[in-house]
């Protein structure tokens, strides 16, 4: 299954990389590479992640990578729509899916 990163998904990933790079550019690159590898597993198994508890909709799921939640929408393709820190509070209304 094809994996598509939405603009907001890419924006959130870029923000995380920049944040980590403040202390270690090398560690930021390693983290992003590992996260992307983790997301690629979804191509062969789109149900790998769990349903996002705050949304409770079967087609909106997440996988966890270290301290981050990778939020995705499962349809004819997989749309990664946000990467957020595990301790970050959010309301489902905050998560517009920009497919």
N, C-alpha and C. Protein backbone atom coordinates (compact mmCIF):
# COMPACT_ATOMS: atom_id res chain seq x y z
N UNK A 1 0.85 -1.17 0.00
CA UNK A 1 0.00 0.00 0.00
C UNK A 1 0.90 1.24 0.00
N UNK A 2 0.51 2.24 -0.75
CA UNK A 2 1.29 3.46 -0.85
C UNK A 2 1.13 4.33 0.40
N UNK A 3 2.23 4.93 0.83
CA UNK A 3 2.22 5.83 1.98
C UNK A 3 2.42 7.26 1.48
N UNK A 4 1.49 8.13 1.84
CA UNK A 4 1.53 9.54 1.47
C UNK A 4 1.69 10.37 2.74
N UNK A 5 2.65 11.27 2.74
CA UNK A 5 2.80 12.22 3.84
C UNK A 5 2.05 13.49 3.47
N UNK A 6 1.10 13.89 4.28
CA UNK A 6 0.36 15.13 4.03
C UNK A 6 1.26 16.32 4.36
N UNK A 7 0.91 17.51 3.88
CA UNK A 7 1.71 18.69 4.23
C UNK A 7 1.88 18.88 5.74
N UNK A 8 0.81 18.69 6.52
CA UNK A 8 0.90 18.83 7.98
C UNK A 8 1.77 17.74 8.59
N UNK A 9 1.69 16.55 8.02
CA UNK A 9 2.53 15.46 8.49
C UNK A 9 4.01 15.77 8.29
N UNK A 10 4.35 16.26 7.10
CA UNK A 10 5.73 16.64 6.81
C UNK A 10 6.18 17.82 7.66
N UNK A 11 5.27 18.77 7.87
CA UNK A 11 5.59 19.94 8.69
C UNK A 11 5.90 19.53 10.12
N UNK A 12 5.10 18.62 10.67
CA UNK A 12 5.35 18.19 12.06
C UNK A 12 6.65 17.40 12.16
N UNK A 13 6.95 16.56 11.17
CA UNK A 13 8.20 15.80 11.17
C UNK A 13 9.40 16.75 11.05
N UNK A 14 9.29 17.75 10.20
CA UNK A 14 10.36 18.73 10.03
C UNK A 14 10.60 19.50 11.33
N UNK A 15 9.53 19.86 12.01
CA UNK A 15 9.67 20.57 13.28
C UNK A 15 10.38 19.74 14.34
N UNK A 16 10.07 18.45 14.38
CA UNK A 16 10.72 17.54 15.33
C UNK A 16 12.20 17.42 14.99
N UNK A 17 12.50 17.26 13.71
CA UNK A 17 13.90 17.14 13.31
C UNK A 17 14.68 18.41 13.70
N UNK A 18 14.12 19.58 13.45
CA UNK A 18 14.79 20.83 13.80
C UNK A 18 14.98 20.96 15.31
N UNK A 19 13.99 20.52 16.07
CA UNK A 19 14.09 20.59 17.52
C UNK A 19 15.23 19.71 18.02
N UNK A 20 15.29 18.47 17.55
CA UNK A 20 16.36 17.55 17.98
C UNK A 20 17.72 18.05 17.51
N UNK A 21 17.76 18.62 16.31
CA UNK A 21 19.02 19.09 15.73
C UNK A 21 19.64 20.24 16.51
N UNK A 22 18.86 20.93 17.33
CA UNK A 22 19.42 22.00 18.16
C UNK A 22 20.53 21.45 19.07
N UNK A 23 20.35 20.21 19.51
CA UNK A 23 21.34 19.57 20.38
C UNK A 23 22.28 18.65 19.61
N UNK A 24 21.76 18.01 18.56
CA UNK A 24 22.59 17.07 17.83
C UNK A 24 22.03 16.85 16.42
N UNK A 25 22.60 17.50 15.42
CA UNK A 25 22.14 17.29 14.05
C UNK A 25 22.22 15.81 13.62
N UNK A 26 23.27 15.14 14.04
CA UNK A 26 23.41 13.73 13.68
C UNK A 26 22.29 12.90 14.30
N UNK A 27 21.99 13.13 15.56
CA UNK A 27 20.92 12.39 16.23
C UNK A 27 19.57 12.68 15.58
N UNK A 28 19.36 13.91 15.14
CA UNK A 28 18.11 14.28 14.46
C UNK A 28 17.96 13.48 13.17
N UNK A 29 19.04 13.37 12.40
CA UNK A 29 18.99 12.61 11.15
C UNK A 29 18.73 11.13 11.41
N UNK A 30 19.36 10.58 12.43
CA UNK A 30 19.17 9.17 12.78
C UNK A 30 17.73 8.94 13.21
N UNK A 31 17.21 9.82 14.06
CA UNK A 31 15.83 9.67 14.54
C UNK A 31 14.84 9.67 13.38
N UNK A 32 14.96 10.64 12.48
CA UNK A 32 14.03 10.75 11.36
C UNK A 32 14.15 9.53 10.45
N UNK A 33 15.36 9.07 10.20
CA UNK A 33 15.56 7.89 9.37
C UNK A 33 14.88 6.66 9.98
N UNK A 34 15.06 6.48 11.28
CA UNK A 34 14.43 5.34 11.96
C UNK A 34 12.91 5.47 11.96
N UNK A 35 12.39 6.68 12.16
CA UNK A 35 10.95 6.88 12.14
C UNK A 35 10.38 6.57 10.76
N UNK A 36 11.05 7.03 9.72
CA UNK A 36 10.59 6.74 8.35
C UNK A 36 10.61 5.24 8.06
N UNK A 37 11.64 4.55 8.53
CA UNK A 37 11.69 3.09 8.37
C UNK A 37 10.51 2.42 9.08
N UNK A 38 10.20 2.92 10.27
CA UNK A 38 9.08 2.38 11.05
C UNK A 38 7.77 2.59 10.30
N UNK A 39 7.57 3.76 9.74
CA UNK A 39 6.36 4.07 8.98
C UNK A 39 6.26 3.19 7.73
N UNK A 40 7.38 2.90 7.10
CA UNK A 40 7.37 2.08 5.89
C UNK A 40 6.79 0.68 6.14
N UNK A 41 6.86 0.20 7.37
CA UNK A 41 6.27 -1.10 7.71
C UNK A 41 4.77 -1.11 7.45
N UNK A 42 4.15 0.06 7.49
CA UNK A 42 2.71 0.15 7.26
C UNK A 42 2.33 -0.23 5.83
N UNK A 43 3.24 -0.06 4.89
CA UNK A 43 2.94 -0.37 3.49
C UNK A 43 2.50 -1.83 3.34
N UNK A 44 3.14 -2.72 4.08
CA UNK A 44 2.78 -4.14 4.01
C UNK A 44 1.72 -4.55 5.01
N UNK A 45 1.48 -3.73 6.00
CA UNK A 45 0.51 -4.06 7.04
C UNK A 45 -0.13 -2.78 7.57
N UNK A 46 -1.12 -2.24 6.84
CA UNK A 46 -1.72 -0.96 7.23
C UNK A 46 -2.48 -0.99 8.56
N UNK A 47 -2.76 -2.16 9.08
CA UNK A 47 -3.45 -2.26 10.37
C UNK A 47 -2.47 -2.46 11.53
N UNK A 48 -1.19 -2.26 11.26
CA UNK A 48 -0.16 -2.48 12.27
C UNK A 48 -0.39 -1.60 13.50
N UNK A 49 -0.77 -0.37 13.29
CA UNK A 49 -0.98 0.56 14.40
C UNK A 49 -2.30 0.33 15.11
N UNK A 50 -2.44 1.01 16.23
CA UNK A 50 -3.70 0.93 16.98
C UNK A 50 -4.59 2.10 16.60
N UNK A 51 -5.87 1.95 16.90
CA UNK A 51 -6.82 3.03 16.71
C UNK A 51 -6.41 4.18 17.63
N UNK A 52 -6.43 5.41 17.11
CA UNK A 52 -6.08 6.58 17.93
C UNK A 52 -7.13 6.72 19.03
N UNK A 53 -6.74 6.55 20.30
CA UNK A 53 -7.73 6.55 21.38
C UNK A 53 -8.61 7.79 21.42
N UNK A 54 -8.04 8.96 21.17
CA UNK A 54 -8.80 10.20 21.24
C UNK A 54 -9.82 10.32 20.12
N UNK A 55 -9.63 9.57 19.05
CA UNK A 55 -10.53 9.68 17.90
C UNK A 55 -11.49 8.49 17.82
N UNK A 56 -11.01 7.31 18.21
CA UNK A 56 -11.82 6.10 18.25
C UNK A 56 -12.55 5.82 16.93
N UNK A 57 -11.82 5.97 15.83
CA UNK A 57 -12.34 5.64 14.51
C UNK A 57 -11.39 4.63 13.87
N UNK A 58 -11.93 3.56 13.38
CA UNK A 58 -11.13 2.44 12.87
C UNK A 58 -10.13 2.84 11.79
N UNK A 59 -10.44 3.83 11.00
CA UNK A 59 -9.54 4.21 9.90
C UNK A 59 -8.48 5.23 10.30
N UNK A 60 -8.53 5.73 11.52
CA UNK A 60 -7.52 6.67 12.01
C UNK A 60 -6.70 5.96 13.08
N UNK A 61 -5.43 5.73 12.74
CA UNK A 61 -4.59 4.87 13.57
C UNK A 61 -3.28 5.55 13.89
N UNK A 62 -2.49 4.91 14.74
CA UNK A 62 -1.19 5.45 15.09
C UNK A 62 -0.19 4.33 15.33
N UNK A 63 1.07 4.64 15.05
CA UNK A 63 2.18 3.79 15.47
C UNK A 63 3.06 4.65 16.35
N UNK A 64 3.72 4.00 17.28
CA UNK A 64 4.57 4.71 18.22
C UNK A 64 6.03 4.49 17.82
N UNK A 65 6.78 5.58 17.79
CA UNK A 65 8.22 5.49 17.56
C UNK A 65 8.90 6.31 18.65
N UNK A 66 9.61 5.63 19.53
CA UNK A 66 10.22 6.25 20.70
C UNK A 66 9.16 7.04 21.46
N UNK A 67 9.33 8.36 21.60
CA UNK A 67 8.36 9.16 22.36
C UNK A 67 7.33 9.83 21.47
N UNK A 68 7.24 9.42 20.22
CA UNK A 68 6.37 10.11 19.26
C UNK A 68 5.28 9.20 18.73
N UNK A 69 4.15 9.82 18.46
CA UNK A 69 3.01 9.13 17.88
C UNK A 69 2.89 9.57 16.41
N UNK A 70 2.90 8.59 15.52
CA UNK A 70 2.74 8.86 14.09
C UNK A 70 1.29 8.55 13.76
N UNK A 71 0.52 9.60 13.44
CA UNK A 71 -0.91 9.46 13.21
C UNK A 71 -1.16 9.32 11.72
N UNK A 72 -1.98 8.32 11.36
CA UNK A 72 -2.26 8.11 9.94
C UNK A 72 -3.71 7.72 9.71
N UNK A 73 -4.13 7.99 8.49
CA UNK A 73 -5.48 7.68 8.04
C UNK A 73 -5.35 6.56 7.02
N UNK A 74 -6.08 5.50 7.24
CA UNK A 74 -6.01 4.32 6.37
C UNK A 74 -7.21 4.30 5.44
N UNK A 75 -6.94 4.44 4.15
CA UNK A 75 -7.99 4.39 3.12
C UNK A 75 -7.43 3.56 1.96
N UNK A 76 -7.61 4.05 0.74
CA UNK A 76 -7.03 3.34 -0.41
C UNK A 76 -5.50 3.48 -0.40
N UNK A 77 -5.02 4.47 0.34
CA UNK A 77 -3.61 4.70 0.62
C UNK A 77 -3.48 4.98 2.11
N UNK A 78 -2.26 5.05 2.59
CA UNK A 78 -2.02 5.44 3.97
C UNK A 78 -1.57 6.90 3.95
N UNK A 79 -2.27 7.74 4.68
CA UNK A 79 -1.95 9.16 4.75
C UNK A 79 -1.43 9.47 6.15
N UNK A 80 -0.15 9.79 6.25
CA UNK A 80 0.42 10.19 7.53
C UNK A 80 0.10 11.67 7.69
N UNK A 81 -0.72 11.99 8.70
CA UNK A 81 -1.19 13.37 8.81
C UNK A 81 -0.62 14.14 9.99
N UNK A 82 0.12 13.49 10.88
CA UNK A 82 0.74 14.23 11.97
C UNK A 82 1.72 13.32 12.71
N UNK A 83 2.76 13.94 13.25
CA UNK A 83 3.67 13.28 14.19
C UNK A 83 3.69 14.19 15.42
N UNK A 84 3.33 13.63 16.56
CA UNK A 84 3.26 14.44 17.78
C UNK A 84 4.00 13.73 18.91
N UNK A 85 4.45 14.50 19.88
CA UNK A 85 5.09 13.93 21.05
C UNK A 85 4.04 13.20 21.88
N UNK A 86 4.42 12.10 22.47
CA UNK A 86 3.49 11.29 23.24
C UNK A 86 2.85 12.00 24.41
N UNK A 87 3.52 13.01 24.95
CA UNK A 87 2.96 13.76 26.08
C UNK A 87 2.16 14.98 25.65
N UNK A 88 2.11 15.20 24.35
CA UNK A 88 1.38 16.37 23.83
C UNK A 88 -0.13 16.16 23.94
N UNK A 89 -0.78 17.12 24.54
CA UNK A 89 -2.24 17.09 24.64
C UNK A 89 -2.83 17.59 23.33
N UNK A 90 -3.87 16.95 22.87
CA UNK A 90 -4.56 17.46 21.70
C UNK A 90 -6.00 16.98 21.73
N UNK A 91 -6.82 17.69 21.02
CA UNK A 91 -8.21 17.31 20.84
C UNK A 91 -8.37 16.84 19.40
N UNK A 92 -9.21 15.86 19.14
CA UNK A 92 -9.39 15.40 17.76
C UNK A 92 -9.73 16.53 16.79
N UNK A 93 -10.40 17.55 17.28
CA UNK A 93 -10.75 18.68 16.42
C UNK A 93 -9.51 19.40 15.92
N UNK A 94 -8.39 19.29 16.66
CA UNK A 94 -7.13 19.91 16.28
C UNK A 94 -6.45 19.21 15.10
N UNK A 95 -6.90 18.02 14.80
CA UNK A 95 -6.21 17.18 13.82
C UNK A 95 -6.93 17.16 12.48
N UNK A 96 -6.88 18.25 11.78
CA UNK A 96 -7.45 18.30 10.45
C UNK A 96 -6.60 17.42 9.54
N UNK A 97 -7.24 16.54 8.80
CA UNK A 97 -6.53 15.65 7.89
C UNK A 97 -6.56 16.28 6.50
N UNK A 98 -5.43 16.76 6.06
CA UNK A 98 -5.34 17.51 4.80
C UNK A 98 -4.88 16.60 3.67
N UNK A 99 -5.78 15.77 3.21
CA UNK A 99 -5.46 14.81 2.13
C UNK A 99 -5.54 15.52 0.80
